[in-house]
Amino acid sequence: MAAERLQKVFASAGIASRRRAEDLLRAGRVQLNGQVAQLGDRGDPASDDIRLDGRPIAAAAPARVLLLNKPPGVVCSCHDPEGRPTVLDLLPPELAHGQGLHPVGRLDLESRGALLLSNDGALTLRLTHPRYQHSKTYRVWISGDPSRADLDRWARGVPLDGQPSQPVQVQQLDTDRGRTLLELVMSEGRNRQIRRTAELLGFRVHDLQRIAIGPIDLGDLPEGRWRRVDPQEWGDQDPRR
C-alpha cells in the first residue's frame, strides 16, 4: 500500500472521518514514526508507525467482495437482536470477524439466493447505486396460472405505496401442480417488492430465489456456501473507479 495522507488512512481504517482526522492532527494527538504528525503528512500503516493518543493504527483490511448463496431463514445482517442466524454465521471466523464485511443489499428472511458481502464503502456504492444499473435476476414460484394480461401488468411495473415502479422483464418458465415458475429481471429493489407485487396481482409467492446480481450468477454454488468475487467479473479492472 502506498503512503497516503493521514486523514485518508484514518478514514480507510474506520477510525474517523477525514474532517475529524484533521481535527485530531491539529490537536497534536497523532504521531507518525515517533513525531507529532502535521496536516499534509503521509503514511502507510504497513510500514510506518502511526498512532492516535499513543495507540497504534492498524492497516485497513483489504477490499473484499464475496458472493453468498443465502438459505431461507438467515438474516441479512451482521447481528440479529433476536438471536437468529445471520449471513456472517455462514462465513469462516477469520472472515466473519474483524474484516468489516457487511451485506450489500438485502434478501428478506425467507428468500434465498445470491447476496454480495463487502468491506469497502466505495465498492458497496458501486454495486448498489441505481446509476450503475446492476440488474438482478430472480426465479419465483407463485400460486396459480397467471394470464398474459397479469404478466404484462407486472412487466409494466406495478405501483407500490403510491409510487410508480420500474418495468420488469417477466418470463414464464414452467408450471407444476397449480404453481407457476417465473423469471424476473429487475433494476430496482424496494422492500419485499416481488412478494408485494405478486400479492397485488392476486398471487402468493411460494419460493423466491435470486440467481444473479448483474453479471455475477450463482452457477453451481451450493446453498449456504460462498466464494470470492474477482473485480474483473464486473467488467472493470478497478471497481473503485
Protein backbone atom coordinates (compact mmCIF):
# COMPACT_ATOMS: atom_id res chain seq x y z
CA MET A 1 0.00 0.00 0.00
CA ALA A 2 1.44 3.41 -0.96
CA ALA A 3 1.71 6.18 1.59
CA GLU A 4 -1.46 8.29 1.83
CA ARG A 5 -2.48 11.43 3.66
CA LEU A 6 -3.12 10.54 7.27
CA GLN A 7 -6.71 11.75 7.03
CA LYS A 8 -7.37 9.07 4.40
CA VAL A 9 -5.55 6.44 6.46
CA PHE A 10 -7.85 7.15 9.42
CA ALA A 11 -10.96 7.09 7.23
CA SER A 12 -9.96 3.83 5.50
CA ALA A 13 -9.33 2.20 8.86
CA GLY A 14 -12.77 3.28 10.07
CA ILE A 15 -11.32 5.31 12.94
CA ALA A 16 -12.53 8.78 12.00
CA SER A 17 -13.84 10.76 9.05
CA ARG A 18 -11.31 12.83 7.14
CA ARG A 19 -12.63 16.01 8.71
CA ARG A 20 -12.43 14.54 12.21
CA ALA A 21 -8.92 13.26 11.43
CA GLU A 22 -7.89 16.81 10.53
CA ASP A 23 -9.10 17.95 13.95
CA LEU A 24 -7.06 15.19 15.61
CA LEU A 25 -3.97 16.25 13.67
CA ARG A 26 -4.41 19.91 14.60
CA ALA A 27 -4.77 18.89 18.25
CA GLY A 28 -1.41 17.09 18.13
CA ARG A 29 -2.96 13.73 19.01
CA VAL A 30 -1.49 11.85 16.04
CA GLN A 31 2.09 10.57 15.95
CA LEU A 32 3.99 9.44 12.85
CA ASN A 33 7.18 7.44 13.42
CA GLY A 34 7.66 8.94 16.86
CA GLN A 35 6.98 12.56 15.87
CA VAL A 36 3.83 14.65 16.23
CA ALA A 37 2.17 14.48 12.82
CA GLN A 38 1.12 17.53 10.85
CA LEU A 39 -1.60 18.22 8.31
CA GLY A 40 -0.35 17.04 4.93
CA ASP A 41 1.82 14.24 6.36
CA ARG A 42 1.59 10.89 4.60
CA GLY A 43 2.00 7.40 5.97
CA ASP A 44 1.46 3.71 5.30
CA PRO A 45 0.19 1.63 8.24
CA ALA A 46 2.00 -1.39 6.77
CA SER A 47 5.43 0.25 7.08
CA ASP A 48 5.04 3.37 9.27
CA ASP A 49 4.30 3.65 12.99
CA ILE A 50 1.08 5.69 13.06
CA ARG A 51 -0.55 6.29 16.43
CA LEU A 52 -3.53 8.10 17.91
CA ASP A 53 -3.03 9.12 21.54
CA GLY A 54 -0.18 6.62 21.68
CA ARG A 55 -2.21 3.69 20.36
CA PRO A 56 -1.05 2.15 17.05
CA ILE A 57 -3.31 2.33 13.98
CA ALA A 58 -3.74 -0.96 12.16
CA ALA A 59 -3.87 -1.14 8.39
CA ALA A 60 -7.34 -1.39 6.91
CA ALA A 61 -8.42 -4.85 5.79
CA PRO A 62 -8.02 -5.38 2.04
CA ALA A 63 -11.12 -4.72 -0.03
CA ARG A 64 -13.14 -7.90 -0.50
CA VAL A 65 -16.33 -8.93 -2.23
CA LEU A 66 -17.93 -12.30 -1.58
CA LEU A 67 -20.89 -14.00 -3.24
CA LEU A 68 -23.03 -15.98 -0.80
CA ASN A 69 -25.87 -18.36 -1.64
CA LYS A 70 -28.14 -17.39 1.25
CA PRO A 71 -30.51 -20.07 2.56
CA PRO A 72 -34.01 -19.19 3.78
CA GLY A 73 -34.25 -18.40 7.48
CA VAL A 74 -30.95 -16.49 7.57
CA VAL A 75 -30.98 -12.75 8.35
CA CYS A 76 -29.21 -10.29 6.02
CA SER A 77 -27.49 -8.51 8.87
CA CYS A 78 -24.23 -8.56 10.80
CA HIS A 79 -26.09 -9.04 14.10
CA ASP A 80 -29.65 -10.00 14.97
CA PRO A 81 -31.09 -8.96 18.37
CA GLU A 82 -33.49 -11.91 18.20
CA GLY A 83 -30.62 -14.37 18.01
CA ARG A 84 -31.45 -15.70 14.54
CA PRO A 85 -28.58 -16.88 12.30
CA THR A 86 -27.06 -14.12 10.17
CA VAL A 87 -25.17 -14.22 6.88
CA LEU A 88 -21.89 -13.72 8.77
CA ASP A 89 -22.53 -17.01 10.59
CA LEU A 90 -22.06 -18.76 7.23
CA LEU A 91 -18.51 -17.44 6.84
CA PRO A 92 -15.33 -18.83 8.44
CA PRO A 93 -14.35 -16.96 11.64
CA GLU A 94 -11.35 -15.27 10.04
CA LEU A 95 -13.69 -13.54 7.55
CA ALA A 96 -16.74 -13.07 9.76
CA HIS A 97 -14.88 -11.17 12.47
CA GLY A 98 -12.56 -8.20 12.17
CA GLN A 99 -12.81 -7.80 8.40
CA GLY A 100 -15.70 -5.30 8.27
CA LEU A 101 -17.76 -7.42 5.87
CA HIS A 102 -21.42 -6.42 5.57
CA PRO A 103 -24.30 -7.38 3.26
CA VAL A 104 -24.58 -5.39 0.04
CA GLY A 105 -28.33 -5.01 -0.43
CA ARG A 106 -30.82 -7.38 1.14
CA LEU A 107 -32.89 -10.52 0.76
CA ASP A 108 -35.80 -10.95 3.15
CA LEU A 109 -35.73 -13.70 5.76
CA GLU A 110 -37.50 -16.40 3.73
CA SER A 111 -35.93 -15.54 0.37
CA ARG A 112 -32.76 -17.25 -0.77
CA GLY A 113 -30.01 -16.98 -3.31
CA ALA A 114 -27.33 -14.54 -4.43
CA LEU A 115 -26.13 -11.99 -1.89
CA LEU A 116 -22.93 -9.95 -2.03
CA LEU A 117 -20.87 -9.04 1.03
CA SER A 118 -18.13 -6.41 1.06
CA ASN A 119 -15.96 -4.46 3.48
CA ASP A 120 -15.44 -1.45 1.20
CA GLY A 121 -17.85 1.50 1.24
CA ALA A 122 -16.89 2.86 -2.19
CA LEU A 123 -17.22 -0.57 -3.71
CA THR A 124 -20.58 -1.10 -1.99
CA LEU A 125 -21.82 2.14 -3.53
CA ARG A 126 -20.72 1.00 -6.96
CA LEU A 127 -22.51 -2.33 -6.55
CA THR A 128 -25.78 -0.86 -5.27
CA HIS A 129 -26.34 2.69 -6.51
CA PRO A 130 -29.12 2.92 -9.14
CA ARG A 131 -26.94 4.93 -11.52
CA TYR A 132 -24.82 1.83 -12.17
CA GLN A 133 -27.90 -0.11 -13.33
CA HIS A 134 -26.93 -3.53 -11.97
CA SER A 135 -29.98 -5.69 -12.72
CA LYS A 136 -30.96 -8.62 -10.51
CA THR A 137 -32.45 -11.88 -11.76
CA TYR A 138 -34.93 -13.95 -9.74
CA ARG A 139 -36.69 -17.31 -10.08
CA VAL A 140 -40.07 -17.15 -8.36
CA TRP A 141 -42.71 -19.85 -7.85
CA ILE A 142 -46.18 -18.34 -7.44
CA SER A 143 -49.60 -19.84 -6.88
CA GLY A 144 -51.98 -20.29 -9.80
CA ASP A 145 -51.63 -19.70 -13.52
CA PRO A 146 -51.17 -16.01 -14.38
CA SER A 147 -52.74 -14.78 -17.60
CA ARG A 148 -50.89 -12.88 -20.29
CA ALA A 149 -52.59 -9.74 -19.01
CA ASP A 150 -51.26 -10.41 -15.49
CA LEU A 151 -47.72 -10.83 -16.77
CA ASP A 152 -47.97 -7.74 -18.96
CA ARG A 153 -49.16 -5.70 -15.98
CA TRP A 154 -46.25 -6.99 -13.90
CA ALA A 155 -43.82 -6.20 -16.72
CA ARG A 156 -45.03 -2.59 -16.96
CA GLY A 157 -44.31 -2.06 -13.25
CA VAL A 158 -46.96 -2.23 -10.52
CA PRO A 159 -47.11 0.92 -8.34
CA LEU A 160 -46.31 0.40 -4.66
CA ASP A 161 -47.12 2.83 -1.84
CA GLY A 162 -48.49 5.27 -4.39
CA GLN A 163 -45.18 5.40 -6.26
CA PRO A 164 -44.57 4.02 -9.78
CA SER A 165 -42.33 1.01 -10.25
CA GLN A 166 -39.81 0.50 -13.00
CA PRO A 167 -40.53 -2.01 -15.78
CA VAL A 168 -39.63 -5.65 -15.15
CA GLN A 169 -38.61 -8.36 -17.59
CA VAL A 170 -41.01 -11.26 -16.95
CA GLN A 171 -40.76 -14.73 -18.46
CA GLN A 172 -42.87 -17.78 -17.62
CA LEU A 173 -40.63 -20.85 -17.36
CA ASP A 174 -42.73 -23.71 -16.01
CA THR A 175 -45.98 -24.82 -14.36
CA ASP A 176 -46.35 -27.64 -11.83
CA ARG A 177 -49.25 -28.71 -9.59
CA GLY A 178 -51.06 -25.39 -9.65
CA ARG A 179 -47.93 -23.28 -9.41
CA THR A 180 -46.03 -21.21 -11.97
CA LEU A 181 -42.31 -20.52 -12.19
CA LEU A 182 -41.38 -17.03 -13.37
CA GLU A 183 -38.04 -15.44 -14.14
CA LEU A 184 -37.88 -11.72 -13.29
CA VAL A 185 -35.10 -9.30 -14.21
CA MET A 186 -35.30 -6.04 -12.23
CA SER A 187 -33.21 -2.91 -11.86
CA GLU A 188 -34.77 -1.72 -8.60
CA GLY A 189 -35.26 -3.45 -5.28
CA ARG A 190 -37.78 -1.98 -2.88
CA ASN A 191 -38.63 -3.69 0.38
CA ARG A 192 -40.29 -7.06 -0.38
CA GLN A 193 -41.12 -5.73 -3.84
CA ILE A 194 -41.67 -9.09 -5.56
CA ARG A 195 -43.86 -10.51 -2.80
CA ARG A 196 -45.93 -7.33 -2.56
CA THR A 197 -46.36 -7.09 -6.32
CA ALA A 198 -47.47 -10.71 -6.56
CA GLU A 199 -50.00 -10.14 -3.77
CA LEU A 200 -51.43 -7.08 -5.50
CA LEU A 201 -51.89 -9.17 -8.66
CA GLY A 202 -53.63 -11.91 -6.68
CA PHE A 203 -50.83 -14.45 -6.35
CA ARG A 204 -48.88 -15.88 -3.42
CA VAL A 205 -45.12 -16.42 -3.56
CA HIS A 206 -44.09 -19.93 -2.56
CA ASP A 207 -40.37 -19.66 -3.25
CA LEU A 208 -38.15 -16.70 -4.17
CA GLN A 209 -34.56 -17.19 -5.28
CA ARG A 210 -32.19 -14.54 -6.60
CA ILE A 211 -29.93 -16.25 -9.10
CA ALA A 212 -27.81 -13.32 -10.35
CA ILE A 213 -26.70 -9.80 -9.48
CA GLY A 214 -25.62 -8.07 -12.65
CA PRO A 215 -23.21 -10.46 -14.40
CA ILE A 216 -22.50 -12.39 -11.17
CA ASP A 217 -24.60 -15.56 -11.05
CA LEU A 218 -24.82 -18.37 -8.55
CA GLY A 219 -23.85 -21.03 -11.05
CA ASP A 220 -23.34 -24.29 -9.13
CA LEU A 221 -22.56 -22.58 -5.79
CA PRO A 222 -24.33 -24.72 -3.15
CA GLU A 223 -26.85 -23.14 -0.79
CA GLY A 224 -25.13 -21.86 2.35
CA ARG A 225 -21.73 -21.60 0.66
CA TRP A 226 -19.73 -18.61 -0.57
CA ARG A 227 -16.97 -17.69 -2.99
CA ARG A 228 -14.74 -14.70 -3.64
CA VAL A 229 -15.72 -12.33 -6.46
CA ASP A 230 -12.96 -11.09 -8.73
CA PRO A 231 -13.35 -7.38 -9.66
CA GLN A 232 -12.95 -8.38 -13.31
CA GLU A 233 -16.28 -10.22 -13.07
CA TRP A 234 -17.87 -6.76 -13.09
CA GLY A 235 -16.07 -5.95 -16.34
CA ASP A 236 -13.92 -3.38 -14.56
CA GLN A 237 -10.25 -3.74 -13.73
CA ASP A 238 -10.66 -1.24 -10.89
CA PRO A 239 -14.08 -1.46 -9.16
CA ARG A 240 -13.35 1.72 -7.17
CA ARG A 241 -13.47 3.94 -10.26
